[in-house]
Amino acid sequence: MISFICITCGTQFPPSSSPPAHCLICEDERQYIGVNGQEWTSREIMISSNKYKNKIIEEEPNIYSIVPEPSFGIGQRALLIQTPNGNILWDCVSYLDQQTIQYIKEKIDDLSAD
């Protein structure tokens, strides 16, 4: 089973044996379907392509951006915010590799979002 990712918007779908018939996000009137029609990838394909990496930028003390390079989907970035009361990983990125996971684990003791 593969968790397919929409190439246009970057949304990951639940694991399945074949790509979804369509992307509900891209079919919304505020979004669009790519010029080549509906296209799919997966985390495994993205990693094995050696095309992508996440750049981690310290925006301010205890605030880090996680930015995929090259940009993917609609260009999302995640924010890792550290506070004395807990840590938040805000928003998501389509590309998540072991190096990024390890960085986040090394930076924080716990992660929560309410």
Protein backbone atom coordinates (compact mmCIF):
# COMPACT_ATOMS: atom_id res chain seq x y z
CA MET A 1 0.00 0.00 0.00
CA ILE A 2 1.20 3.46 -0.91
CA SER A 3 0.25 6.83 0.60
CA PHE A 4 -0.13 8.81 -2.61
CA ILE A 5 0.67 12.54 -2.64
CA CYS A 6 -0.97 14.96 -5.08
CA ILE A 7 1.78 16.65 -7.11
CA THR A 8 -0.28 19.84 -7.56
CA CYS A 9 -1.27 20.62 -3.97
CA GLY A 10 0.93 18.27 -1.91
CA THR A 11 -1.91 16.55 -0.02
CA GLN A 12 -1.12 13.02 1.13
CA PHE A 13 -3.93 10.45 0.96
CA PRO A 14 -4.53 7.29 3.02
CA PRO A 15 -2.61 4.20 1.89
CA SER A 16 -4.10 2.38 -1.09
CA SER A 17 -3.02 -0.01 -3.83
CA SER A 18 -3.71 2.53 -6.59
CA PRO A 19 -3.77 6.34 -6.81
CA PRO A 20 -7.03 8.07 -5.87
CA ALA A 21 -9.34 8.86 -8.79
CA HIS A 22 -9.10 12.57 -7.97
CA CYS A 23 -7.85 15.05 -5.40
CA LEU A 24 -10.65 16.72 -3.44
CA ILE A 25 -8.40 19.67 -2.62
CA CYS A 26 -7.53 20.37 -6.26
CA GLU A 27 -11.15 19.96 -7.34
CA ASP A 28 -12.21 22.73 -4.96
CA GLU A 29 -13.04 25.92 -6.88
CA ARG A 30 -10.31 27.82 -5.01
CA GLN A 31 -7.59 25.44 -6.25
CA TYR A 32 -6.81 23.92 -9.65
CA ILE A 33 -5.78 20.68 -11.29
CA GLY A 34 -2.31 20.81 -12.88
CA VAL A 35 -1.89 21.33 -16.64
CA ASN A 36 -0.95 17.65 -17.03
CA GLY A 37 -4.10 16.51 -15.24
CA GLN A 38 -4.15 14.72 -11.91
CA GLU A 39 -0.65 13.44 -11.06
CA TRP A 40 0.59 11.51 -8.04
CA THR A 41 3.82 10.71 -6.26
CA SER A 42 4.71 9.21 -2.87
CA ARG A 43 7.13 9.92 -0.05
CA GLU A 44 9.23 6.93 -1.15
CA ILE A 45 9.44 8.19 -4.74
CA MET A 46 10.35 11.69 -3.54
CA ILE A 47 13.12 10.33 -1.29
CA SER A 48 14.55 7.98 -3.92
CA SER A 49 14.63 10.78 -6.51
CA ASN A 50 17.30 12.59 -4.45
CA LYS A 51 15.70 15.78 -5.78
CA TYR A 52 14.26 17.09 -2.52
CA LYS A 53 15.59 18.12 0.86
CA ASN A 54 14.24 20.21 3.69
CA LYS A 55 16.01 23.43 4.55
CA ILE A 56 15.67 24.28 8.24
CA ILE A 57 15.89 27.99 8.99
CA GLU A 58 16.04 29.58 12.43
CA GLU A 59 13.64 32.51 11.92
CA GLU A 60 13.99 33.73 15.51
CA PRO A 61 15.20 32.11 18.70
CA ASN A 62 13.13 28.93 19.16
CA ILE A 63 11.21 29.38 15.88
CA TYR A 64 12.32 27.25 12.94
CA SER A 65 10.94 27.00 9.40
CA ILE A 66 11.06 23.65 7.61
CA VAL A 67 11.03 24.41 3.88
CA PRO A 68 11.19 21.77 1.13
CA GLU A 69 13.63 22.55 -1.68
CA PRO A 70 12.78 22.70 -4.45
CA SER A 71 9.31 23.91 -3.58
CA PHE A 72 6.62 21.25 -3.88
CA GLY A 73 2.82 21.39 -4.15
CA ILE A 74 1.59 24.82 -3.15
CA GLY A 75 4.85 25.64 -1.38
CA GLN A 76 3.90 24.80 2.19
CA ARG A 77 6.37 25.19 5.02
CA ALA A 78 6.15 23.95 8.57
CA LEU A 79 7.11 25.84 11.71
CA LEU A 80 8.70 24.26 14.76
CA ILE A 81 8.01 26.52 17.74
CA GLN A 82 9.67 25.84 21.09
CA THR A 83 8.25 27.36 24.29
CA PRO A 84 8.77 26.70 27.99
CA ASN A 85 5.20 25.31 28.08
CA GLY A 86 5.66 22.86 25.20
CA ASN A 87 6.51 22.62 21.54
CA ILE A 88 4.36 22.95 18.45
CA LEU A 89 4.96 21.67 14.95
CA TRP A 90 2.64 23.96 12.98
CA ASP A 91 1.41 23.11 9.50
CA CYS A 92 2.88 20.41 7.34
CA VAL A 93 5.20 19.71 4.44
CA SER A 94 4.71 17.01 1.83
CA TYR A 95 8.35 15.96 1.93
CA LEU A 96 9.53 14.44 5.19
CA ASP A 97 12.80 12.54 5.23
CA GLN A 98 14.66 10.78 8.01
CA GLN A 99 17.12 13.68 8.34
CA THR A 100 14.26 16.10 9.10
CA ILE A 101 12.62 13.66 11.52
CA GLN A 102 15.92 13.24 13.36
CA TYR A 103 16.45 17.02 13.54
CA ILE A 104 13.01 17.52 15.08
CA LYS A 105 13.58 14.70 17.61
CA GLU A 106 16.92 16.22 18.63
CA LYS A 107 15.44 19.69 19.06
CA ILE A 108 12.50 18.79 21.25
CA ASP A 109 11.57 16.56 24.15
CA ASP A 110 7.84 16.63 23.54
CA LEU A 111 5.48 17.85 20.84
CA SER A 112 1.89 18.93 21.31
CA ALA A 113 -0.81 20.82 19.47
CA ASP A 114 -4.24 21.65 20.85
